[in-house]
Amino acid sequence: MSRPVPGTYLIINKAPSTEGDELTITFNGEGNALTLDNRTGDRSQRWKISNYSDRRTSYVIPESAPSLQVAWG
């Protein structure tokens, strides 16, 4: 599987909303669940993807909270 080049991205869900709008992963603050919301492009929907020094593993940081990392499984 390929990885994106490190940078800032909007992470858009493959399936659109029932109205056909793009749904984007949104950061709602520390301790709160991520949500899928209509694409606005604001900072809560922008994600920085970086590589660890092993060059095999990436991590995702919400642009609006650069001291945090996101994890999901």
Protein backbone atom coordinates (compact mmCIF):
# COMPACT_ATOMS: atom_id res chain seq x y z
CA MET A 1 0.00 0.00 0.00
CA SER A 2 1.32 3.41 -0.88
CA ARG A 3 1.50 6.29 1.56
CA PRO A 4 0.81 9.96 0.95
CA VAL A 5 3.71 12.36 0.75
CA PRO A 6 4.14 14.21 4.07
CA GLY A 7 2.06 17.40 4.04
CA THR A 8 -1.29 18.87 5.01
CA TYR A 9 -4.45 17.18 3.73
CA LEU A 10 -8.21 17.07 3.96
CA ILE A 11 -9.20 13.45 4.60
CA ILE A 12 -12.37 12.93 2.57
CA ASN A 13 -14.60 9.91 3.09
CA LYS A 14 -15.01 7.77 -0.02
CA ALA A 15 -18.80 7.66 0.35
CA PRO A 16 -20.59 11.03 0.05
CA SER A 17 -23.44 12.21 2.25
CA THR A 18 -26.98 11.30 1.27
CA GLU A 19 -27.15 14.74 -0.41
CA GLY A 20 -23.99 14.01 -2.44
CA ASP A 21 -21.68 16.30 -0.43
CA GLU A 22 -18.09 15.38 0.40
CA LEU A 23 -17.69 14.31 4.03
CA THR A 24 -14.42 15.19 5.71
CA ILE A 25 -12.92 13.88 8.95
CA THR A 26 -13.26 16.70 11.50
CA PHE A 27 -11.32 17.17 14.75
CA ASN A 28 -13.66 18.33 17.54
CA GLY A 29 -11.18 18.99 20.33
CA GLU A 30 -9.08 16.86 22.63
CA GLY A 31 -11.02 13.96 24.15
CA ASN A 32 -13.89 14.28 21.67
CA ALA A 33 -14.68 11.85 18.87
CA LEU A 34 -13.75 12.63 15.29
CA THR A 35 -16.77 13.16 13.06
CA LEU A 36 -17.59 13.20 9.36
CA ASP A 37 -18.93 16.61 8.41
CA ASN A 38 -19.59 18.47 5.17
CA ARG A 39 -16.36 19.76 3.71
CA THR A 40 -15.57 23.32 4.78
CA GLY A 41 -11.77 23.20 4.65
CA ASP A 42 -11.34 25.00 7.97
CA ARG A 43 -8.47 24.10 10.33
CA SER A 44 -10.50 21.44 12.14
CA GLN A 45 -10.60 19.47 8.87
CA ARG A 46 -6.94 19.82 7.89
CA TRP A 47 -4.51 17.08 8.89
CA LYS A 48 -0.71 16.99 8.82
CA ILE A 49 0.69 13.64 7.79
CA SER A 50 4.34 13.03 8.71
CA ASN A 51 6.69 10.05 8.69
CA TYR A 52 8.49 8.60 11.69
CA SER A 53 12.24 8.25 11.36
CA ASP A 54 11.82 4.55 10.43
CA ARG A 55 10.33 5.81 7.14
CA ARG A 56 7.72 3.01 7.24
CA THR A 57 5.30 4.48 9.74
CA SER A 58 3.26 7.69 9.45
CA TYR A 59 1.38 9.75 12.01
CA VAL A 60 -1.53 12.15 11.71
CA ILE A 61 -1.81 15.48 13.55
CA PRO A 62 -4.83 17.80 13.50
CA GLU A 63 -3.73 21.19 12.18
CA SER A 64 -5.79 22.93 14.86
CA ALA A 65 -4.03 21.00 17.67
CA PRO A 66 -0.41 20.34 16.62
CA SER A 67 0.62 18.92 20.01
CA LEU A 68 -1.74 15.94 19.55
CA GLN A 69 -1.70 12.81 17.40
CA VAL A 70 -4.80 10.99 16.23
CA ALA A 71 -5.27 7.25 16.63
CA TRP A 72 -8.09 5.06 15.44
CA GLY A 73 -8.46 1.40 14.64
